[in-house]
All heavy atoms as atom14 arrays in JSON, in Angstrom:
{
  "sequence": "LNSCFLLLPSEYPRSTLEPTTMSERLLSWTYSV",
  "atom14_mask": [
    [1, 1, 1, 1, 1, 1, 1, 1, 0, 0, 0, 0, 0, 0],
    [1, 1, 1, 1, 1, 1, 1, 1, 0, 0, 0, 0, 0, 0],
    [1, 1, 1, 1, 1, 1, 0, 0, 0, 0, 0, 0, 0, 0],
    [1, 1, 1, 1, 1, 1, 0, 0, 0, 0, 0, 0, 0, 0],
    [1, 1, 1, 1, 1, 1, 1, 1, 1, 1, 1, 0, 0, 0],
    [1, 1, 1, 1, 1, 1, 1, 1, 0, 0, 0, 0, 0, 0],
    [1, 1, 1, 1, 1, 1, 1, 1, 0, 0, 0, 0, 0, 0],
    [1, 1, 1, 1, 1, 1, 1, 1, 0, 0, 0, 0, 0, 0],
    [1, 1, 1, 1, 1, 1, 1, 0, 0, 0, 0, 0, 0, 0],
    [1, 1, 1, 1, 1, 1, 0, 0, 0, 0, 0, 0, 0, 0],
    [1, 1, 1, 1, 1, 1, 1, 1, 1, 0, 0, 0, 0, 0],
    [1, 1, 1, 1, 1, 1, 1, 1, 1, 1, 1, 1, 0, 0],
    [1, 1, 1, 1, 1, 1, 1, 0, 0, 0, 0, 0, 0, 0],
    [1, 1, 1, 1, 1, 1, 1, 1, 1, 1, 1, 0, 0, 0],
    [1, 1, 1, 1, 1, 1, 0, 0, 0, 0, 0, 0, 0, 0],
    [1, 1, 1, 1, 1, 1, 1, 0, 0, 0, 0, 0, 0, 0],
    [1, 1, 1, 1, 1, 1, 1, 1, 0, 0, 0, 0, 0, 0],
    [1, 1, 1, 1, 1, 1, 1, 1, 1, 0, 0, 0, 0, 0],
    [1, 1, 1, 1, 1, 1, 1, 0, 0, 0, 0, 0, 0, 0],
    [1, 1, 1, 1, 1, 1, 1, 0, 0, 0, 0, 0, 0, 0],
    [1, 1, 1, 1, 1, 1, 1, 0, 0, 0, 0, 0, 0, 0],
    [1, 1, 1, 1, 1, 1, 1, 1, 0, 0, 0, 0, 0, 0],
    [1, 1, 1, 1, 1, 1, 0, 0, 0, 0, 0, 0, 0, 0],
    [1, 1, 1, 1, 1, 1, 1, 1, 1, 0, 0, 0, 0, 0],
    [1, 1, 1, 1, 1, 1, 1, 1, 1, 1, 1, 0, 0, 0],
    [1, 1, 1, 1, 1, 1, 1, 1, 0, 0, 0, 0, 0, 0],
    [1, 1, 1, 1, 1, 1, 1, 1, 0, 0, 0, 0, 0, 0],
    [1, 1, 1, 1, 1, 1, 0, 0, 0, 0, 0, 0, 0, 0],
    [1, 1, 1, 1, 1, 1, 1, 1, 1, 1, 1, 1, 1, 1],
    [1, 1, 1, 1, 1, 1, 1, 0, 0, 0, 0, 0, 0, 0],
    [1, 1, 1, 1, 1, 1, 1, 1, 1, 1, 1, 1, 0, 0],
    [1, 1, 1, 1, 1, 1, 0, 0, 0, 0, 0, 0, 0, 0],
    [1, 1, 1, 1, 1, 1, 1, 0, 0, 0, 0, 0, 0, 0]
  ],
  "atom14_positions": [
    [[-72.61, -82.45, 174.93], [-71.37, -82.32, 175.68], [-71.63, -82.17, 177.18], [-71.05, -82.89, 178.0], [-70.58, -81.09, 175.18], [-69.85, -81.24, 173.85], [-69.44, -79.89, 173.31], [-68.62, -82.14, 174.01], [0.0, 0.0, 0.0], [0.0, 0.0, 0.0], [0.0, 0.0, 0.0], [0.0, 0.0, 0.0], [0.0, 0.0, 0.0], [0.0, 0.0, 0.0]],
    [[-72.51, -81.23, 177.52], [-72.76, -80.98, 178.94], [-73.49, -82.13, 179.62], [-73.33, -82.37, 180.81], [-73.51, -79.67, 179.1], [-72.64, -78.48, 178.77], [-71.62, -78.25, 179.41], [-73.0, -77.72, 177.74], [0.0, 0.0, 0.0], [0.0, 0.0, 0.0], [0.0, 0.0, 0.0], [0.0, 0.0, 0.0], [0.0, 0.0, 0.0], [0.0, 0.0, 0.0]],
    [[-74.28, -82.87, 178.84], [-74.92, -84.07, 179.39], [-73.85, -85.1, 179.74], [-73.92, -85.75, 180.79], [-75.9, -84.67, 178.37], [-76.96, -83.8, 178.1], [0.0, 0.0, 0.0], [0.0, 0.0, 0.0], [0.0, 0.0, 0.0], [0.0, 0.0, 0.0], [0.0, 0.0, 0.0], [0.0, 0.0, 0.0], [0.0, 0.0, 0.0], [0.0, 0.0, 0.0]],
    [[-72.86, -85.25, 178.87], [-71.74, -86.18, 179.15], [-70.92, -85.71, 180.36], [-70.51, -86.52, 181.18], [-70.85, -86.3, 177.93], [-71.57, -87.22, 176.55], [0.0, 0.0, 0.0], [0.0, 0.0, 0.0], [0.0, 0.0, 0.0], [0.0, 0.0, 0.0], [0.0, 0.0, 0.0], [0.0, 0.0, 0.0], [0.0, 0.0, 0.0], [0.0, 0.0, 0.0]],
    [[-70.71, -84.4, 180.46], [-69.96, -83.87, 181.6], [-70.66, -84.2, 182.93], [-70.01, -84.42, 183.94], [-69.77, -82.38, 181.46], [-68.96, -81.96, 180.26], [-69.11, -80.68, 179.72], [-68.06, -82.82, 179.66], [-68.37, -80.3, 178.62], [-67.33, -82.44, 178.56], [-67.47, -81.16, 178.03], [0.0, 0.0, 0.0], [0.0, 0.0, 0.0], [0.0, 0.0, 0.0]],
    [[-71.99, -84.19, 182.89], [-72.76, -84.46, 184.1], [-72.88, -85.95, 184.4], [-72.78, -86.38, 185.56], [-74.16, -83.87, 183.97], [-74.25, -82.33, 184.01], [-75.65, -81.87, 183.65], [-73.87, -81.8, 185.4], [0.0, 0.0, 0.0], [0.0, 0.0, 0.0], [0.0, 0.0, 0.0], [0.0, 0.0, 0.0], [0.0, 0.0, 0.0], [0.0, 0.0, 0.0]],
    [[-73.08, -86.75, 183.34], [-73.32, -88.19, 183.51], [-72.01, -88.98, 183.61], [-71.95, -90.03, 184.28], [-74.15, -88.72, 182.37], [-75.56, -88.14, 182.23], [-76.23, -88.66, 180.94], [-76.39, -88.5, 183.45], [0.0, 0.0, 0.0], [0.0, 0.0, 0.0], [0.0, 0.0, 0.0], [0.0, 0.0, 0.0], [0.0, 0.0, 0.0], [0.0, 0.0, 0.0]],
    [[-70.97, -88.51, 182.92], [-69.68, -89.2, 182.95], [-68.57, -88.19, 183.27], [-67.71, -87.9, 182.44], [-69.41, -89.85, 181.59], [-70.31, -91.01, 181.19], [-70.09, -91.36, 179.72], [-70.04, -92.24, 182.06], [0.0, 0.0, 0.0], [0.0, 0.0, 0.0], [0.0, 0.0, 0.0], [0.0, 0.0, 0.0], [0.0, 0.0, 0.0], [0.0, 0.0, 0.0]],
    [[-68.6, -87.65, 184.47], [-67.6, -86.63, 184.85], [-66.18, -87.23, 184.86], [-65.88, -88.08, 185.66], [-68.05, -86.21, 186.26], [-68.81, -87.39, 186.78], [-69.5, -87.98, 185.6], [0.0, 0.0, 0.0], [0.0, 0.0, 0.0], [0.0, 0.0, 0.0], [0.0, 0.0, 0.0], [0.0, 0.0, 0.0], [0.0, 0.0, 0.0], [0.0, 0.0, 0.0]],
    [[-65.39, -86.78, 183.93], [-64.05, -87.36, 183.74], [-62.95, -86.33, 183.93], [-63.18, -85.12, 183.91], [-63.95, -87.97, 182.34], [-64.18, -87.0, 181.36], [0.0, 0.0, 0.0], [0.0, 0.0, 0.0], [0.0, 0.0, 0.0], [0.0, 0.0, 0.0], [0.0, 0.0, 0.0], [0.0, 0.0, 0.0], [0.0, 0.0, 0.0], [0.0, 0.0, 0.0]],
    [[-61.73, -86.84, 184.08], [-60.56, -85.97, 184.22], [-59.37, -86.59, 183.54], [-59.35, -87.8, 183.25], [-60.26, -85.74, 185.72], [-59.91, -87.0, 186.48], [-59.57, -86.73, 187.94], [-59.41, -85.54, 188.28], [-59.49, -87.69, 188.69], [0.0, 0.0, 0.0], [0.0, 0.0, 0.0], [0.0, 0.0, 0.0], [0.0, 0.0, 0.0], [0.0, 0.0, 0.0]],
    [[-58.38, -85.77, 183.27], [-57.13, -86.22, 182.67], [-56.0, -85.71, 183.56], [-55.61, -84.55, 183.44], [-57.0, -85.68, 181.25], [-55.82, -86.2, 180.46], [-54.92, -87.13, 180.99], [-55.6, -85.76, 179.16], [-53.85, -87.59, 180.25], [-54.54, -86.23, 178.41], [-53.66, -87.15, 178.97], [-52.6, -87.6, 178.23], [0.0, 0.0, 0.0], [0.0, 0.0, 0.0]],
    [[-55.48, -86.57, 184.44], [-54.45, -86.12, 185.38], [-53.24, -85.52, 184.65], [-52.77, -86.06, 183.65], [-54.04, -87.43, 186.07], [-55.24, -88.3, 185.97], [-55.82, -87.98, 184.61], [0.0, 0.0, 0.0], [0.0, 0.0, 0.0], [0.0, 0.0, 0.0], [0.0, 0.0, 0.0], [0.0, 0.0, 0.0], [0.0, 0.0, 0.0], [0.0, 0.0, 0.0]],
    [[-52.76, -84.38, 185.13], [-51.62, -83.71, 184.5], [-50.38, -83.8, 185.37], [-50.47, -83.84, 186.58], [-51.96, -82.23, 184.3], [-53.1, -81.96, 183.33], [-53.45, -80.49, 183.38], [-54.53, -80.14, 182.45], [-55.29, -79.08, 182.62], [-55.08, -78.25, 183.65], [-56.26, -78.81, 181.73], [0.0, 0.0, 0.0], [0.0, 0.0, 0.0], [0.0, 0.0, 0.0]],
    [[-49.23, -83.79, 184.71], [-47.98, -83.73, 185.42], [-47.65, -82.26, 185.7], [-48.21, -81.34, 185.09], [-46.86, -84.37, 184.58], [-46.78, -83.72, 183.33], [0.0, 0.0, 0.0], [0.0, 0.0, 0.0], [0.0, 0.0, 0.0], [0.0, 0.0, 0.0], [0.0, 0.0, 0.0], [0.0, 0.0, 0.0], [0.0, 0.0, 0.0], [0.0, 0.0, 0.0]],
    [[-46.73, -82.05, 186.6], [-46.35, -80.68, 186.99], [-45.62, -79.97, 185.83], [-44.82, -80.56, 185.14], [-45.43, -80.71, 188.22], [-46.08, -81.39, 189.28], [-45.11, -79.3, 188.68], [0.0, 0.0, 0.0], [0.0, 0.0, 0.0], [0.0, 0.0, 0.0], [0.0, 0.0, 0.0], [0.0, 0.0, 0.0], [0.0, 0.0, 0.0], [0.0, 0.0, 0.0]],
    [[-45.95, -78.7, 185.69], [-45.29, -77.9, 184.65], [-44.64, -76.69, 185.32], [-45.29, -75.94, 186.02], [-46.32, -77.44, 183.6], [-45.8, -76.45, 182.53], [-44.78, -77.13, 181.64], [-46.96, -75.9, 181.69], [0.0, 0.0, 0.0], [0.0, 0.0, 0.0], [0.0, 0.0, 0.0], [0.0, 0.0, 0.0], [0.0, 0.0, 0.0], [0.0, 0.0, 0.0]],
    [[-43.32, -76.55, 185.08], [-42.62, -75.4, 185.58], [-42.22, -74.51, 184.39], [-41.22, -74.79, 183.69], [-41.35, -75.83, 186.36], [-41.67, -76.65, 187.59], [-40.43, -77.07, 188.35], [-39.32, -76.7, 187.9], [-40.57, -77.74, 189.38], [0.0, 0.0, 0.0], [0.0, 0.0, 0.0], [0.0, 0.0, 0.0], [0.0, 0.0, 0.0], [0.0, 0.0, 0.0]],
    [[-43.0, -73.48, 184.11], [-42.83, -72.72, 182.87], [-41.54, -71.86, 182.84], [-41.2, -71.22, 183.83], [-44.06, -71.81, 182.85], [-44.48, -71.68, 184.3], [-44.13, -73.0, 184.92], [0.0, 0.0, 0.0], [0.0, 0.0, 0.0], [0.0, 0.0, 0.0], [0.0, 0.0, 0.0], [0.0, 0.0, 0.0], [0.0, 0.0, 0.0], [0.0, 0.0, 0.0]],
    [[-40.89, -71.89, 181.7], [-39.71, -71.05, 181.49], [-39.81, -70.29, 180.17], [-39.24, -69.19, 180.02], [-38.43, -71.9, 181.48], [-38.54, -72.91, 180.46], [-38.2, -72.55, 182.86], [0.0, 0.0, 0.0], [0.0, 0.0, 0.0], [0.0, 0.0, 0.0], [0.0, 0.0, 0.0], [0.0, 0.0, 0.0], [0.0, 0.0, 0.0], [0.0, 0.0, 0.0]],
    [[-40.53, -70.84, 179.19], [-40.68, -70.17, 177.9], [-42.05, -69.52, 177.8], [-42.94, -69.75, 178.63], [-40.55, -71.2, 176.77], [-41.63, -72.11, 176.79], [-39.23, -71.95, 176.89], [0.0, 0.0, 0.0], [0.0, 0.0, 0.0], [0.0, 0.0, 0.0], [0.0, 0.0, 0.0], [0.0, 0.0, 0.0], [0.0, 0.0, 0.0], [0.0, 0.0, 0.0]],
    [[-42.24, -68.7, 176.77], [-43.53, -68.06, 176.54], [-44.63, -69.09, 176.33], [-45.74, -68.95, 176.88], [-43.45, -67.15, 175.3], [-42.67, -65.84, 175.52], [-43.61, -64.69, 176.56], [-44.96, -64.28, 175.46], [0.0, 0.0, 0.0], [0.0, 0.0, 0.0], [0.0, 0.0, 0.0], [0.0, 0.0, 0.0], [0.0, 0.0, 0.0], [0.0, 0.0, 0.0]],
    [[-44.35, -70.13, 175.57], [-45.34, -71.17, 175.32], [-45.71, -71.89, 176.61], [-46.89, -72.18, 176.86], [-44.8, -72.17, 174.29], [-44.6, -71.57, 173.04], [0.0, 0.0, 0.0], [0.0, 0.0, 0.0], [0.0, 0.0, 0.0], [0.0, 0.0, 0.0], [0.0, 0.0, 0.0], [0.0, 0.0, 0.0], [0.0, 0.0, 0.0], [0.0, 0.0, 0.0]],
    [[-44.72, -72.17, 177.44], [-44.98, -72.85, 178.69], [-45.77, -71.95, 179.66], [-46.63, -72.45, 180.39], [-43.65, -73.28, 179.33], [-42.97, -74.41, 178.57], [-41.59, -74.73, 179.13], [-41.04, -73.87, 179.85], [-41.05, -75.79, 178.82], [0.0, 0.0, 0.0], [0.0, 0.0, 0.0], [0.0, 0.0, 0.0], [0.0, 0.0, 0.0], [0.0, 0.0, 0.0]],
    [[-45.5, -70.66, 179.64], [-46.25, -69.74, 180.49], [-47.72, -69.7, 180.05], [-48.62, -69.66, 180.91], [-45.64, -68.37, 180.45], [-44.25, -68.27, 181.13], [-43.78, -66.84, 181.26], [-42.46, -66.76, 181.85], [-41.33, -66.69, 181.15], [-41.4, -66.64, 179.8], [-40.15, -66.63, 181.74], [0.0, 0.0, 0.0], [0.0, 0.0, 0.0], [0.0, 0.0, 0.0]],
    [[-47.95, -69.63, 178.76], [-49.34, -69.62, 178.28], [-50.0, -70.95, 178.6], [-51.19, -70.96, 178.97], [-49.35, -69.38, 176.74], [-50.74, -69.36, 176.1], [-51.64, -68.31, 176.74], [-50.62, -69.11, 174.6], [0.0, 0.0, 0.0], [0.0, 0.0, 0.0], [0.0, 0.0, 0.0], [0.0, 0.0, 0.0], [0.0, 0.0, 0.0], [0.0, 0.0, 0.0]],
    [[-49.29, -72.05, 178.48], [-49.89, -73.35, 178.81], [-50.19, -73.45, 180.29], [-51.25, -73.98, 180.69], [-48.92, -74.46, 178.39], [-49.42, -75.91, 178.67], [-50.76, -76.15, 178.0], [-48.37, -76.9, 178.2], [0.0, 0.0, 0.0], [0.0, 0.0, 0.0], [0.0, 0.0, 0.0], [0.0, 0.0, 0.0], [0.0, 0.0, 0.0], [0.0, 0.0, 0.0]],
    [[-49.3, -72.93, 181.12], [-49.52, -72.91, 182.57], [-50.77, -72.1, 182.91], [-51.6, -72.52, 183.76], [-48.3, -72.33, 183.29], [-48.52, -72.31, 184.68], [0.0, 0.0, 0.0], [0.0, 0.0, 0.0], [0.0, 0.0, 0.0], [0.0, 0.0, 0.0], [0.0, 0.0, 0.0], [0.0, 0.0, 0.0], [0.0, 0.0, 0.0], [0.0, 0.0, 0.0]],
    [[-50.93, -70.98, 182.26], [-52.15, -70.17, 182.47], [-53.37, -70.93, 182.02], [-54.42, -70.89, 182.68], [-52.01, -68.84, 181.71], [-53.26, -68.02, 181.78], [-53.64, -67.16, 182.78], [-54.32, -67.98, 180.8], [-54.87, -66.61, 182.49], [-55.31, -67.08, 181.28], [-54.52, -68.6, 179.57], [-56.47, -66.8, 180.57], [-55.67, -68.34, 178.86], [-56.65, -67.44, 179.37]],
    [[-53.27, -71.61, 180.88], [-54.37, -72.4, 180.36], [-54.77, -73.47, 181.37], [-55.97, -73.67, 181.6], [-53.99, -73.08, 179.03], [-53.6, -72.07, 178.08], [-55.17, -73.87, 178.46], [0.0, 0.0, 0.0], [0.0, 0.0, 0.0], [0.0, 0.0, 0.0], [0.0, 0.0, 0.0], [0.0, 0.0, 0.0], [0.0, 0.0, 0.0], [0.0, 0.0, 0.0]],
    [[-53.81, -74.14, 181.95], [-54.08, -75.15, 182.98], [-54.82, -74.56, 184.18], [-55.69, -75.17, 184.75], [-52.77, -75.81, 183.45], [-52.15, -76.81, 182.48], [-50.86, -77.29, 182.74], [-52.82, -77.24, 181.36], [-50.28, -78.24, 181.9], [-52.25, -78.15, 180.5], [-50.96, -78.65, 180.78], [-50.41, -79.58, 179.92], [0.0, 0.0, 0.0], [0.0, 0.0, 0.0]],
    [[-54.39, -73.32, 184.54], [-55.0, -72.7, 185.73], [-56.45, -72.28, 185.49], [-57.28, -72.3, 186.38], [-54.18, -71.47, 186.14], [-54.26, -70.44, 185.19], [0.0, 0.0, 0.0], [0.0, 0.0, 0.0], [0.0, 0.0, 0.0], [0.0, 0.0, 0.0], [0.0, 0.0, 0.0], [0.0, 0.0, 0.0], [0.0, 0.0, 0.0], [0.0, 0.0, 0.0]],
    [[-56.76, -71.92, 184.23], [-58.11, -71.5, 183.88], [-59.02, -72.69, 183.61], [-60.18, -72.71, 184.02], [-58.08, -70.56, 182.65], [-59.49, -70.26, 182.17], [-57.34, -69.28, 182.98], [0.0, 0.0, 0.0], [0.0, 0.0, 0.0], [0.0, 0.0, 0.0], [0.0, 0.0, 0.0], [0.0, 0.0, 0.0], [0.0, 0.0, 0.0], [0.0, 0.0, 0.0]]
  ]
}
C-alpha cells in the first residue's frame, strides 16, 4: 500500500459538504482528518 502511495500518489477530488446532520458532521470530520 505505502509503496503505491509513494510511486502512484493519487487523489479523489471531493465536492463541498455543509454538514447539518450527525452523519454529515462525522463525515465532515472524517474529511478533515
